[in-house]
């Protein structure tokens, strides 16, 4: 079993972010955690928990002690080797917060750096500087974290090969285990600013090759290095609980989502909107996600038409067939390949 916990509080709202988060709601933090704890305690886990991911928002923007009761309840249900990740912001991930989270059992940290270039950080609306990223990673290691991810962003109008090279050099110096590299999406405040984005397959490939050259192998379109077990569970189509406002979970053929208004969530953390999935929906998701990652796609998930189209792509070496599964050697082409396979 897998768990996602959503913390919808941020020190500031980044202009490119479309996730459910608020920078002006800290007055209700304790109320939110009471509701969150109540929701989690309502579940009697039949299976051991394999992974937990605390995301947001910014989980490090709130007092680490607020997580105590949640972990006290979950701890007896954890697998011995349970991977527990928390996202964090370089500014708020101070040593005190990191030490407490590590004591609770968090063993994987994901830091939202986005860049090491001061001009690019300002452009992205980030409130930290590059030195703070280095300090946060240093403090995380002092606290005992050995599995550390750093997020970076590319595809902005500022990106060049020279800028990307400087980002890669900084990442190399950090001596971390994982890197997530996301292409800028024009969402939220950036939604109407097409000039802010640079859609360059050449720069994207340059970034991927550069990361692999410093030892971070790509295992999903945006992820490199030591595999995140929690994310892998999504791509495999495993069931998972989603706790908190905005949180999404999938159990069997039902996908549910928490309230998208914090006060409504606090009033009733059990109220969910539910989407009923068909077997075809699930199959399509497995194909789509499998093409974007090392999971690959089982031939049994392909319709007869899809299998015929896949044979063409295999002959053209766009796909690789191995032990009854097809694999995509170029994740940047995943969406195009999926659309090509899906055509009537």
C-alpha atoms as a PDB file:
ATOM      1  CA  UNK A   1       0.000   0.000   0.000  1.00  0.00           C
ATOM      2  CA  UNK A   2       1.114   3.547  -0.783  1.00  0.00           C
ATOM      3  CA  UNK A   3       0.145   6.884   0.766  1.00  0.00           C
ATOM      4  CA  UNK A   4       0.236  10.476  -0.419  1.00  0.00           C
ATOM      5  CA  UNK A   5      -0.259  13.302   2.125  1.00  0.00           C
ATOM      6  CA  UNK A   6      -0.907  16.837   0.887  1.00  0.00           C
ATOM      7  CA  UNK A   7       0.277  19.917   2.783  1.00  0.00           C
ATOM      8  CA  UNK A   8      -1.289  22.971   1.057  1.00  0.00           C
ATOM      9  CA  UNK A   9       0.815  25.712   2.666  1.00  0.00           C
ATOM     10  CA  UNK A  10       3.629  27.690   1.025  1.00  0.00           C
ATOM     11  CA  UNK A  11       5.799  30.593   2.126  1.00  0.00           C
ATOM     12  CA  UNK A  12       5.075  32.134  -1.266  1.00  0.00           C
ATOM     13  CA  UNK A  13       3.097  31.092  -4.327  1.00  0.00           C
ATOM     14  CA  UNK A  14       5.291  30.524  -7.381  1.00  0.00           C
ATOM     15  CA  UNK A  15       3.767  32.048 -10.535  1.00  0.00           C
ATOM     16  CA  UNK A  16       4.168  28.834 -12.566  1.00  0.00           C
ATOM     17  CA  UNK A  17       2.520  26.587  -9.946  1.00  0.00           C
ATOM     18  CA  UNK A  18      -0.951  25.121 -10.467  1.00  0.00           C
ATOM     19  CA  UNK A  19      -0.905  22.784  -7.448  1.00  0.00           C
ATOM     20  CA  UNK A  20      -3.289  23.297  -4.552  1.00  0.00           C
ATOM     21  CA  UNK A  21      -1.373  25.576  -2.208  1.00  0.00           C
ATOM     22  CA  UNK A  22      -1.814  28.830  -0.298  1.00  0.00           C
ATOM     23  CA  UNK A  23       0.607  31.389   1.101  1.00  0.00           C
ATOM     24  CA  UNK A  24      -2.045  33.268   3.105  1.00  0.00           C
ATOM     25  CA  UNK A  25      -3.695  30.490   5.130  1.00  0.00           C
ATOM     26  CA  UNK A  26      -1.138  29.733   7.865  1.00  0.00           C
ATOM     27  CA  UNK A  27      -3.622  30.824  10.560  1.00  0.00           C
ATOM     28  CA  UNK A  28      -5.554  27.582  10.024  1.00  0.00           C
ATOM     29  CA  UNK A  29      -2.542  25.252   9.911  1.00  0.00           C
ATOM     30  CA  UNK A  30      -3.336  23.521  13.214  1.00  0.00           C
ATOM     31  CA  UNK A  31      -6.988  23.102  12.258  1.00  0.00           C
ATOM     32  CA  UNK A  32      -5.913  21.585   8.948  1.00  0.00           C
ATOM     33  CA  UNK A  33      -3.628  19.066  10.644  1.00  0.00           C
ATOM     34  CA  UNK A  34      -6.389  18.069  13.057  1.00  0.00           C
ATOM     35  CA  UNK A  35      -8.647  17.314  10.095  1.00  0.00           C
ATOM     36  CA  UNK A  36      -5.814  15.557   8.239  1.00  0.00           C
ATOM     37  CA  UNK A  37      -5.002  13.375  11.237  1.00  0.00           C
ATOM     38  CA  UNK A  38      -8.694  12.567  11.661  1.00  0.00           C
ATOM     39  CA  UNK A  39      -8.927  11.498   8.013  1.00  0.00           C
ATOM     40  CA  UNK A  40      -5.850   9.278   8.208  1.00  0.00           C
ATOM     41  CA  UNK A  41      -6.962   7.650  11.471  1.00  0.00           C
ATOM     42  CA  UNK A  42     -10.261   6.725   9.827  1.00  0.00           C
ATOM     43  CA  UNK A  43      -8.416   4.163   7.659  1.00  0.00           C
ATOM     44  CA  UNK A  44      -7.690   0.682   8.979  1.00  0.00           C
ATOM     45  CA  UNK A  45      -4.804  -0.558   6.874  1.00  0.00           C
ATOM     46  CA  UNK A  46      -5.085  -4.209   5.822  1.00  0.00           C
ATOM     47  CA  UNK A  47      -1.742  -4.180   4.020  1.00  0.00           C
ATOM     48  CA  UNK A  48       1.610  -2.874   5.147  1.00  0.00           C
ATOM     49  CA  UNK A  49       2.557   0.564   3.851  1.00  0.00           C
ATOM     50  CA  UNK A  50       5.424   0.442   1.331  1.00  0.00           C
ATOM     51  CA  UNK A  51       5.834   4.160   0.595  1.00  0.00           C
ATOM     52  CA  UNK A  52       4.677   7.525   1.915  1.00  0.00           C
ATOM     53  CA  UNK A  53       5.059  10.803   0.040  1.00  0.00           C
ATOM     54  CA  UNK A  54       4.413  14.117   1.805  1.00  0.00           C
ATOM     55  CA  UNK A  55       3.949  16.775  -0.860  1.00  0.00           C
ATOM     56  CA  UNK A  56       2.413  20.157  -1.368  1.00  0.00           C
ATOM     57  CA  UNK A  57       2.543  22.980  -1.176  1.00  0.00           C
ATOM     58  CA  UNK A  58       5.585  23.008   1.059  1.00  0.00           C
ATOM     59  CA  UNK A  59       5.684  20.434   3.869  1.00  0.00           C
ATOM     60  CA  UNK A  60       8.675  22.219   5.439  1.00  0.00           C
ATOM     61  CA  UNK A  61       6.703  25.457   5.812  1.00  0.00           C
ATOM     62  CA  UNK A  62       4.915  24.078   8.885  1.00  0.00           C
ATOM     63  CA  UNK A  63       6.227  23.019  12.300  1.00  0.00           C
ATOM     64  CA  UNK A  64       7.598  19.466  12.075  1.00  0.00           C
ATOM     65  CA  UNK A  65       5.878  18.579  15.353  1.00  0.00           C
ATOM     66  CA  UNK A  66       2.522  18.804  13.592  1.00  0.00           C
ATOM     67  CA  UNK A  67       3.372  15.495  11.907  1.00  0.00           C
ATOM     68  CA  UNK A  68       3.910  13.645  15.218  1.00  0.00           C
ATOM     69  CA  UNK A  69       0.420  12.224  15.688  1.00  0.00           C
ATOM     70  CA  UNK A  70       0.188  11.128  12.053  1.00  0.00           C
ATOM     71  CA  UNK A  71       3.425   9.160  12.268  1.00  0.00           C
ATOM     72  CA  UNK A  72       2.467   7.715  15.648  1.00  0.00           C
ATOM     73  CA  UNK A  73      -0.617   6.219  14.007  1.00  0.00           C
ATOM     74  CA  UNK A  74       1.087   5.070  10.802  1.00  0.00           C
ATOM     75  CA  UNK A  75       4.252   3.621  12.334  1.00  0.00           C
ATOM     76  CA  UNK A  76       2.852   0.165  13.295  1.00  0.00           C
ATOM     77  CA  UNK A  77       1.617  -0.249   9.716  1.00  0.00           C
ATOM     78  CA  UNK A  78       4.917   0.488   7.962  1.00  0.00           C
ATOM     79  CA  UNK A  79       6.973  -2.033   6.049  1.00  0.00           C
ATOM     80  CA  UNK A  80      10.441  -2.497   7.479  1.00  0.00           C
ATOM     81  CA  UNK A  81      11.982  -0.819   4.419  1.00  0.00           C
ATOM     82  CA  UNK A  82       9.205   1.751   3.879  1.00  0.00           C
ATOM     83  CA  UNK A  83      10.367   4.688   1.742  1.00  0.00           C
ATOM     84  CA  UNK A  84       9.123   7.933   3.322  1.00  0.00           C
ATOM     85  CA  UNK A  85       9.661  11.094   1.274  1.00  0.00           C
ATOM     86  CA  UNK A  86       8.976  14.678   2.222  1.00  0.00           C
ATOM     87  CA  UNK A  87       9.194  17.629  -0.103  1.00  0.00           C
ATOM     88  CA  UNK A  88      10.858  20.754   1.290  1.00  0.00           C
ATOM     89  CA  UNK A  89      11.824  24.277   0.322  1.00  0.00           C
ATOM     90  CA  UNK A  90      15.500  25.255   0.697  1.00  0.00           C
ATOM     91  CA  UNK A  91      14.526  28.271   2.829  1.00  0.00           C
ATOM     92  CA  UNK A  92      12.392  26.437   5.374  1.00  0.00           C
ATOM     93  CA  UNK A  93      14.291  23.136   5.480  1.00  0.00           C
ATOM     94  CA  UNK A  94      16.442  24.210   8.418  1.00  0.00           C
ATOM     95  CA  UNK A  95      18.416  21.772  10.543  1.00  0.00           C
ATOM     96  CA  UNK A  96      15.823  21.729  13.360  1.00  0.00           C
ATOM     97  CA  UNK A  97      13.013  20.799  10.941  1.00  0.00           C
ATOM     98  CA  UNK A  98      15.158  18.220   9.173  1.00  0.00           C
ATOM     99  CA  UNK A  99      16.285  16.590  12.428  1.00  0.00           C
ATOM    100  CA  UNK A 100      12.701  16.207  13.644  1.00  0.00           C
ATOM    101  CA  UNK A 101      11.429  14.769  10.358  1.00  0.00           C
ATOM    102  CA  UNK A 102      14.320  12.324  10.279  1.00  0.00           C
ATOM    103  CA  UNK A 103      13.485  11.235  13.831  1.00  0.00           C
ATOM    104  CA  UNK A 104       9.897  10.593  12.743  1.00  0.00           C
ATOM    105  CA  UNK A 105      11.180   8.197  10.101  1.00  0.00           C
ATOM    106  CA  UNK A 106      11.362  10.300   6.937  1.00  0.00           C
ATOM    107  CA  UNK A 107      14.264   8.818   4.968  1.00  0.00           C
ATOM    108  CA  UNK A 108      14.050  10.593   1.615  1.00  0.00           C
ATOM    109  CA  UNK A 109      14.094  14.359   1.055  1.00  0.00           C
ATOM    110  CA  UNK A 110      13.001  16.226  -2.078  1.00  0.00           C
ATOM    111  CA  UNK A 111      14.190  19.841  -2.289  1.00  0.00           C
ATOM    112  CA  UNK A 112      12.578  22.288  -4.711  1.00  0.00           C
ATOM    113  CA  UNK A 113      15.617  24.196  -5.963  1.00  0.00           C
ATOM    114  CA  UNK A 114      14.415  24.799  -9.577  1.00  0.00           C
ATOM    115  CA  UNK A 115      17.673  26.584 -10.474  1.00  0.00           C
ATOM    116  CA  UNK A 116      21.088  27.735  -9.265  1.00  0.00           C
ATOM    117  CA  UNK A 117      21.079  30.804 -11.462  1.00  0.00           C
ATOM    118  CA  UNK A 118      20.034  33.924  -9.521  1.00  0.00           C
ATOM    119  CA  UNK A 119      18.355  35.592 -12.509  1.00  0.00           C
ATOM    120  CA  UNK A 120      16.402  32.430 -13.321  1.00  0.00           C
ATOM    121  CA  UNK A 121      15.368  31.976  -9.670  1.00  0.00           C
ATOM    122  CA  UNK A 122      13.962  35.503  -9.652  1.00  0.00           C
ATOM    123  CA  UNK A 123      12.204  34.873 -12.970  1.00  0.00           C
ATOM    124  CA  UNK A 124      10.554  31.760 -11.485  1.00  0.00           C
ATOM    125  CA  UNK A 125       9.449  33.656  -8.394  1.00  0.00           C
ATOM    126  CA  UNK A 126      11.593  31.607  -6.032  1.00  0.00           C
ATOM    127  CA  UNK A 127      12.417  33.182  -2.644  1.00  0.00           C
ATOM    128  CA  UNK A 128      15.727  31.382  -2.024  1.00  0.00           C
ATOM    129  CA  UNK A 129      19.161  31.822  -3.572  1.00  0.00           C
ATOM    130  CA  UNK A 130      21.546  29.155  -4.793  1.00  0.00           C
ATOM    131  CA  UNK A 131      23.620  29.251  -1.594  1.00  0.00           C
ATOM    132  CA  UNK A 132      20.555  28.272   0.387  1.00  0.00           C
ATOM    133  CA  UNK A 133      20.166  25.097  -1.709  1.00  0.00           C
ATOM    134  CA  UNK A 134      23.715  24.046  -0.840  1.00  0.00           C
ATOM    135  CA  UNK A 135      23.061  24.798   2.845  1.00  0.00           C
ATOM    136  CA  UNK A 136      19.817  22.798   2.852  1.00  0.00           C
ATOM    137  CA  UNK A 137      21.530  19.769   1.321  1.00  0.00           C
ATOM    138  CA  UNK A 138      24.397  20.074   3.808  1.00  0.00           C
ATOM    139  CA  UNK A 139      21.942  20.254   6.723  1.00  0.00           C
ATOM    140  CA  UNK A 140      19.980  17.295   5.352  1.00  0.00           C
ATOM    141  CA  UNK A 141      23.128  15.194   5.363  1.00  0.00           C
ATOM    142  CA  UNK A 142      23.914  16.307   8.921  1.00  0.00           C
ATOM    143  CA  UNK A 143      20.394  15.236   9.922  1.00  0.00           C
ATOM    144  CA  UNK A 144      21.084  11.784   8.493  1.00  0.00           C
ATOM    145  CA  UNK A 145      19.421  11.889   5.084  1.00  0.00           C
ATOM    146  CA  UNK A 146      21.249   9.710   2.581  1.00  0.00           C
ATOM    147  CA  UNK A 147      18.606   9.733  -0.164  1.00  0.00           C
ATOM    148  CA  UNK A 148      18.182  13.325  -1.398  1.00  0.00           C
ATOM    149  CA  UNK A 149      16.442  14.627  -4.508  1.00  0.00           C
ATOM    150  CA  UNK A 150      16.729  18.116  -5.954  1.00  0.00           C
ATOM    151  CA  UNK A 151      14.169  19.502  -8.414  1.00  0.00           C
ATOM    152  CA  UNK A 152      15.280  21.720 -11.263  1.00  0.00           C
ATOM    153  CA  UNK A 153      13.300  23.400 -14.029  1.00  0.00           C
ATOM    154  CA  UNK A 154      14.191  23.909 -17.667  1.00  0.00           C
ATOM    155  CA  UNK A 155      12.444  25.117 -20.801  1.00  0.00           C
ATOM    156  CA  UNK A 156      12.345  28.752 -19.687  1.00  0.00           C
ATOM    157  CA  UNK A 157      13.160  31.628 -22.027  1.00  0.00           C
ATOM    158  CA  UNK A 158      16.439  32.098 -20.145  1.00  0.00           C
ATOM    159  CA  UNK A 159      17.788  28.610 -20.795  1.00  0.00           C
ATOM    160  CA  UNK A 160      20.836  28.057 -22.978  1.00  0.00           C
ATOM    161  CA  UNK A 161      23.397  25.263 -23.132  1.00  0.00           C
ATOM    162  CA  UNK A 162      25.725  27.398 -21.026  1.00  0.00           C
ATOM    163  CA  UNK A 163      23.096  27.964 -18.334  1.00  0.00           C
ATOM    164  CA  UNK A 164      22.142  24.271 -18.284  1.00  0.00           C
ATOM    165  CA  UNK A 165      25.835  23.335 -17.993  1.00  0.00           C
ATOM    166  CA  UNK A 166      26.138  25.546 -14.920  1.00  0.00           C
ATOM    167  CA  UNK A 167      23.046  23.882 -13.404  1.00  0.00           C
ATOM    168  CA  UNK A 168      24.557  20.445 -14.028  1.00  0.00           C
ATOM    169  CA  UNK A 169      27.843  21.466 -12.409  1.00  0.00           C
ATOM    170  CA  UNK A 170      26.005  22.668  -9.291  1.00  0.00           C
ATOM    171  CA  UNK A 171      24.022  19.425  -9.088  1.00  0.00           C
ATOM    172  CA  UNK A 172      27.223  17.419  -9.393  1.00  0.00           C
ATOM    173  CA  UNK A 173      28.791  19.342  -6.513  1.00  0.00           C
ATOM    174  CA  UNK A 174      25.832  18.581  -4.237  1.00  0.00           C
ATOM    175  CA  UNK A 175      26.599  14.827  -4.273  1.00  0.00           C
ATOM    176  CA  UNK A 176      22.946  13.774  -4.066  1.00  0.00           C
ATOM    177  CA  UNK A 177      21.159  10.587  -5.170  1.00  0.00           C
ATOM    178  CA  UNK A 178      18.333  11.817  -7.375  1.00  0.00           C
ATOM    179  CA  UNK A 179      17.375  14.688  -9.678  1.00  0.00           C
ATOM    180  CA  UNK A 180      13.945  15.617 -11.019  1.00  0.00           C
ATOM    181  CA  UNK A 181      14.043  17.878 -14.075  1.00  0.00           C
ATOM    182  CA  UNK A 182      10.726  19.434 -15.100  1.00  0.00           C
ATOM    183  CA  UNK A 183       9.966  21.417 -18.222  1.00  0.00           C
ATOM    184  CA  UNK A 184       8.273  24.748 -17.484  1.00  0.00           C
ATOM    185  CA  UNK A 185       4.507  24.523 -17.875  1.00  0.00           C
ATOM    186  CA  UNK A 186       2.589  27.734 -18.478  1.00  0.00           C
ATOM    187  CA  UNK A 187       0.121  27.521 -15.619  1.00  0.00           C
ATOM    188  CA  UNK A 188      -1.330  29.839 -12.978  1.00  0.00           C
ATOM    189  CA  UNK A 189       0.136  33.367 -13.385  1.00  0.00           C
ATOM    190  CA  UNK A 190       2.300  32.245 -16.320  1.00  0.00           C
ATOM    191  CA  UNK A 191      -0.661  30.820 -18.264  1.00  0.00           C
ATOM    192  CA  UNK A 192      -0.871  33.685 -20.784  1.00  0.00           C
ATOM    193  CA  UNK A 193       2.864  34.290 -21.105  1.00  0.00           C
ATOM    194  CA  UNK A 194       3.894  32.073 -23.985  1.00  0.00           C
ATOM    195  CA  UNK A 195       7.130  34.056 -24.431  1.00  0.00           C
ATOM    196  CA  UNK A 196       8.335  32.803 -21.013  1.00  0.00           C
ATOM    197  CA  UNK A 197       8.683  29.285 -22.363  1.00  0.00           C
ATOM    198  CA  UNK A 198      11.344  27.840 -24.636  1.00  0.00           C
ATOM    199  CA  UNK A 199      10.240  24.528 -26.101  1.00  0.00           C
ATOM    200  CA  UNK A 200      13.572  23.197 -27.348  1.00  0.00           C
ATOM    201  CA  UNK A 201      14.012  19.431 -27.887  1.00  0.00           C
ATOM    202  CA  UNK A 202      17.717  20.122 -28.473  1.00  0.00           C
ATOM    203  CA  UNK A 203      18.145  21.701 -25.020  1.00  0.00           C
ATOM    204  CA  UNK A 204      16.015  18.972 -23.411  1.00  0.00           C
ATOM    205  CA  UNK A 205      18.210  16.260 -24.929  1.00  0.00           C
ATOM    206  CA  UNK A 206      21.319  18.199 -23.913  1.00  0.00           C
ATOM    207  CA  UNK A 207      20.056  18.286 -20.324  1.00  0.00           C
ATOM    208  CA  UNK A 208      19.295  14.551 -20.289  1.00  0.00           C
ATOM    209  CA  UNK A 209      22.688  13.634 -21.763  1.00  0.00           C
ATOM    210  CA  UNK A 210      24.462  15.961 -19.316  1.00  0.00           C
ATOM    211  CA  UNK A 211      22.702  14.385 -16.326  1.00  0.00           C
ATOM    212  CA  UNK A 212      23.569  10.898 -17.540  1.00  0.00           C
ATOM    213  CA  UNK A 213      27.183  11.972 -18.021  1.00  0.00           C
ATOM    214  CA  UNK A 214      27.421  12.783 -14.296  1.00  0.00           C
ATOM    215  CA  UNK A 215      25.919   9.432 -13.318  1.00  0.00           C
ATOM    216  CA  UNK A 216      22.166  10.113 -13.173  1.00  0.00           C
ATOM    217  CA  UNK A 217      20.437   7.606 -15.416  1.00  0.00           C
ATOM    218  CA  UNK A 218      16.992   8.571 -16.664  1.00  0.00           C
ATOM    219  CA  UNK A 219      14.264   6.151 -15.545  1.00  0.00           C
ATOM    220  CA  UNK A 220      11.231   8.354 -16.300  1.00  0.00           C
ATOM    221  CA  UNK A 221      10.707  11.394 -18.476  1.00  0.00           C
ATOM    222  CA  UNK A 222      11.522  13.790 -15.591  1.00  0.00           C
ATOM    223  CA  UNK A 223      13.447  11.592 -13.130  1.00  0.00           C
ATOM    224  CA  UNK A 224      17.068  10.550 -12.857  1.00  0.00           C
ATOM    225  CA  UNK A 225      19.191   8.559 -10.420  1.00  0.00           C
ATOM    226  CA  UNK A 226      18.187   6.318  -7.524  1.00  0.00           C
ATOM    227  CA  UNK A 227      14.627   5.225  -8.285  1.00  0.00           C
ATOM    228  CA  UNK A 228      11.847   6.707  -6.151  1.00  0.00           C
ATOM    229  CA  UNK A 229       9.709   3.721  -5.132  1.00  0.00           C
ATOM    230  CA  UNK A 230       6.655   5.888  -4.528  1.00  0.00           C
ATOM    231  CA  UNK A 231       6.653   7.389  -8.013  1.00  0.00           C
ATOM    232  CA  UNK A 232       7.302   3.948  -9.491  1.00  0.00           C
ATOM    233  CA  UNK A 233       4.093   2.747  -7.813  1.00  0.00           C
ATOM    234  CA  UNK A 234       2.097   5.434  -9.672  1.00  0.00           C
ATOM    235  CA  UNK A 235       3.520   4.408 -13.015  1.00  0.00           C
ATOM    236  CA  UNK A 236       2.775   0.739 -12.314  1.00  0.00           C
ATOM    237  CA  UNK A 237      -0.850   1.613 -11.589  1.00  0.00           C
ATOM    238  CA  UNK A 238      -0.777   0.538  -7.938  1.00  0.00           C
ATOM    239  CA  UNK A 239      -3.510   1.567  -5.523  1.00  0.00           C
ATOM    240  CA  UNK A 240      -2.741   4.452  -3.174  1.00  0.00           C
ATOM    241  CA  UNK A 241      -4.503   6.552  -0.576  1.00  0.00           C
ATOM    242  CA  UNK A 242      -4.487  10.334  -0.943  1.00  0.00           C
ATOM    243  CA  UNK A 243      -4.987  12.303   2.271  1.00  0.00           C
ATOM    244  CA  UNK A 244      -5.646  16.012   2.598  1.00  0.00           C
ATOM    245  CA  UNK A 245      -7.262  18.826   0.644  1.00  0.00           C
ATOM    246  CA  UNK A 246      -6.573  18.544  -3.098  1.00  0.00           C
ATOM    247  CA  UNK A 247      -5.100  15.045  -2.612  1.00  0.00           C
ATOM    248  CA  UNK A 248      -5.949  12.399  -5.187  1.00  0.00           C
ATOM    249  CA  UNK A 249      -6.091   8.663  -4.461  1.00  0.00           C
ATOM    250  CA  UNK A 250      -6.991   5.587  -6.477  1.00  0.00           C
ATOM    251  CA  UNK A 251      -8.420   2.379  -5.070  1.00  0.00           C
ATOM    252  CA  UNK A 252      -9.514  -0.206  -7.625  1.00  0.00           C
ATOM    253  CA  UNK A 253     -11.697   1.471 -10.237  1.00  0.00           C
ATOM    254  CA  UNK A 254     -12.379   4.574  -8.143  1.00  0.00           C
ATOM    255  CA  UNK A 255     -10.334   7.761  -8.186  1.00  0.00           C
ATOM    256  CA  UNK A 256     -11.196  10.282  -5.522  1.00  0.00           C
ATOM    257  CA  UNK A 257     -10.103  13.814  -4.666  1.00  0.00           C
ATOM    258  CA  UNK A 258     -10.259  15.814  -1.453  1.00  0.00           C
ATOM    259  CA  UNK A 259     -11.989  19.185  -1.160  1.00  0.00           C
ATOM    260  CA  UNK A 260     -10.311  22.064  -2.995  1.00  0.00           C
ATOM    261  CA  UNK A 261     -11.319  24.575  -0.341  1.00  0.00           C
ATOM    262  CA  UNK A 262      -9.383  24.390   2.927  1.00  0.00           C
ATOM    263  CA  UNK A 263     -12.275  25.415   5.168  1.00  0.00           C
ATOM    264  CA  UNK A 264     -14.541  22.850   3.508  1.00  0.00           C
ATOM    265  CA  UNK A 265     -11.897  20.186   4.002  1.00  0.00           C
ATOM    266  CA  UNK A 266     -11.475  21.087   7.681  1.00  0.00           C
ATOM    267  CA  UNK A 267     -15.254  20.953   8.165  1.00  0.00           C
ATOM    268  CA  UNK A 268     -15.459  17.478   6.584  1.00  0.00           C
ATOM    269  CA  UNK A 269     -12.179  15.746   5.649  1.00  0.00           C
ATOM    270  CA  UNK A 270     -14.075  12.630   4.536  1.00  0.00           C
ATOM    271  CA  UNK A 271     -16.011  14.276   1.702  1.00  0.00           C
ATOM    272  CA  UNK A 272     -14.536  13.350  -1.675  1.00  0.00           C
ATOM    273  CA  UNK A 273     -15.394  13.793  -5.311  1.00  0.00           C
ATOM    274  CA  UNK A 274     -15.297  10.384  -6.987  1.00  0.00           C
ATOM    275  CA  UNK A 275     -14.457   9.458 -10.565  1.00  0.00           C
ATOM    276  CA  UNK A 276     -15.410   5.957 -11.665  1.00  0.00           C
ATOM    277  CA  UNK A 277     -12.787   4.389 -13.881  1.00  0.00           C
ATOM    278  CA  UNK A 278     -13.310   1.656 -16.441  1.00  0.00           C
ATOM    279  CA  UNK A 279     -10.910  -1.193 -17.132  1.00  0.00           C
ATOM    280  CA  UNK A 280     -10.157   0.596 -20.414  1.00  0.00           C
ATOM    281  CA  UNK A 281      -9.247   3.786 -18.497  1.00  0.00           C
ATOM    282  CA  UNK A 282      -6.805   1.825 -16.352  1.00  0.00           C
ATOM    283  CA  UNK A 283      -5.343   0.057 -19.365  1.00  0.00           C
ATOM    284  CA  UNK A 284      -4.825   3.342 -21.203  1.00  0.00           C
ATOM    285  CA  UNK A 285      -3.080   4.824 -18.160  1.00  0.00           C
ATOM    286  CA  UNK A 286      -0.727   1.848 -17.939  1.00  0.00           C
ATOM    287  CA  UNK A 287       0.198   2.292 -21.606  1.00  0.00           C
ATOM    288  CA  UNK A 288       0.654   6.062 -21.323  1.00  0.00           C
ATOM    289  CA  UNK A 289       2.733   5.912 -18.112  1.00  0.00           C
ATOM    290  CA  UNK A 290       4.681   2.850 -19.210  1.00  0.00           C
ATOM    291  CA  UNK A 291       5.924   4.649 -22.315  1.00  0.00           C
ATOM    292  CA  UNK A 292       7.209   7.505 -20.123  1.00  0.00           C
ATOM    293  CA  UNK A 293       9.227   5.273 -17.820  1.00  0.00           C
ATOM    294  CA  UNK A 294      11.353   2.138 -17.504  1.00  0.00           C
ATOM    295  CA  UNK A 295       8.186   0.228 -16.534  1.00  0.00           C
ATOM    296  CA  UNK A 296       7.364  -0.344 -20.181  1.00  0.00           C
ATOM    297  CA  UNK A 297       4.080  -1.772 -21.448  1.00  0.00           C
ATOM    298  CA  UNK A 298       2.838  -5.350 -21.466  1.00  0.00           C
ATOM    299  CA  UNK A 299       1.742  -6.555 -24.896  1.00  0.00           C
ATOM    300  CA  UNK A 300      -1.450  -7.772 -23.206  1.00  0.00           C
ATOM    301  CA  UNK A 301      -2.353  -4.127 -22.543  1.00  0.00           C
ATOM    302  CA  UNK A 302      -2.312  -3.355 -26.260  1.00  0.00           C
ATOM    303  CA  UNK A 303      -5.319  -3.834 -28.493  1.00  0.00           C
ATOM    304  CA  UNK A 304      -4.804  -5.786 -31.719  1.00  0.00           C
ATOM    305  CA  UNK A 305      -4.546  -2.495 -33.647  1.00  0.00           C
ATOM    306  CA  UNK A 306      -2.027  -1.159 -31.127  1.00  0.00           C
ATOM    307  CA  UNK A 307       0.059  -4.329 -31.416  1.00  0.00           C
ATOM    308  CA  UNK A 308       0.189  -3.970 -35.203  1.00  0.00           C
ATOM    309  CA  UNK A 309       1.299  -0.338 -34.868  1.00  0.00           C
ATOM    310  CA  UNK A 310       3.827  -1.318 -32.192  1.00  0.00           C
ATOM    311  CA  UNK A 311       5.340  -3.866 -34.596  1.00  0.00           C
ATOM    312  CA  UNK A 312       6.024  -1.044 -37.050  1.00  0.00           C
ATOM    313  CA  UNK A 313       7.712   1.050 -34.327  1.00  0.00           C
ATOM    314  CA  UNK A 314       9.757  -1.940 -33.200  1.00  0.00           C
ATOM    315  CA  UNK A 315      11.038  -2.469 -36.752  1.00  0.00           C
ATOM    316  CA  UNK A 316      11.918   1.247 -36.900  1.00  0.00           C
ATOM    317  CA  UNK A 317      13.673   0.895 -33.509  1.00  0.00           C
ATOM    318  CA  UNK A 318      11.395   3.489 -31.928  1.00  0.00           C
ATOM    319  CA  UNK A 319      10.321   0.804 -29.451  1.00  0.00           C
ATOM    320  CA  UNK A 320      12.134  -2.196 -27.989  1.00  0.00           C
ATOM    321  CA  UNK A 321      10.441  -5.572 -27.421  1.00  0.00           C
ATOM    322  CA  UNK A 322      11.740  -7.697 -24.559  1.00  0.00           C
ATOM    323  CA  UNK A 323      10.082 -10.589 -22.716  1.00  0.00           C
ATOM    324  CA  UNK A 324       6.567  -9.666 -23.743  1.00  0.00           C
ATOM    325  CA  UNK A 325       6.897  -5.958 -22.929  1.00  0.00           C
ATOM    326  CA  UNK A 326       7.654  -2.953 -25.091  1.00  0.00           C
ATOM    327  CA  UNK A 327       9.984  -0.203 -23.914  1.00  0.00           C
ATOM    328  CA  UNK A 328      10.454   3.328 -25.165  1.00  0.00           C
ATOM    329  CA  UNK A 329      14.157   4.280 -25.457  1.00  0.00           C
ATOM    330  CA  UNK A 330      13.372   7.998 -25.858  1.00  0.00           C
ATOM    331  CA  UNK A 331      10.982   9.275 -23.188  1.00  0.00           C
ATOM    332  CA  UNK A 332      10.798  12.685 -24.884  1.00  0.00           C
ATOM    333  CA  UNK A 333       8.761  10.994 -27.622  1.00  0.00           C
ATOM    334  CA  UNK A 334       6.410   9.229 -25.179  1.00  0.00           C
ATOM    335  CA  UNK A 335       3.356  11.384 -25.865  1.00  0.00           C
ATOM    336  CA  UNK A 336       3.751  11.165 -29.636  1.00  0.00           C
ATOM    337  CA  UNK A 337       4.213   7.395 -29.517  1.00  0.00           C
ATOM    338  CA  UNK A 338       1.147   6.989 -27.308  1.00  0.00           C
ATOM    339  CA  UNK A 339      -0.969   9.046 -29.724  1.00  0.00           C
ATOM    340  CA  UNK A 340       0.389   7.073 -32.671  1.00  0.00           C
ATOM    341  CA  UNK A 341      -0.423   3.753 -30.992  1.00  0.00           C
ATOM    342  CA  UNK A 342      -3.907   4.985 -30.062  1.00  0.00           C
ATOM    343  CA  UNK A 343      -5.014   6.022 -33.530  1.00  0.00           C
ATOM    344  CA  UNK A 344      -7.828   3.882 -35.034  1.00  0.00           C
END
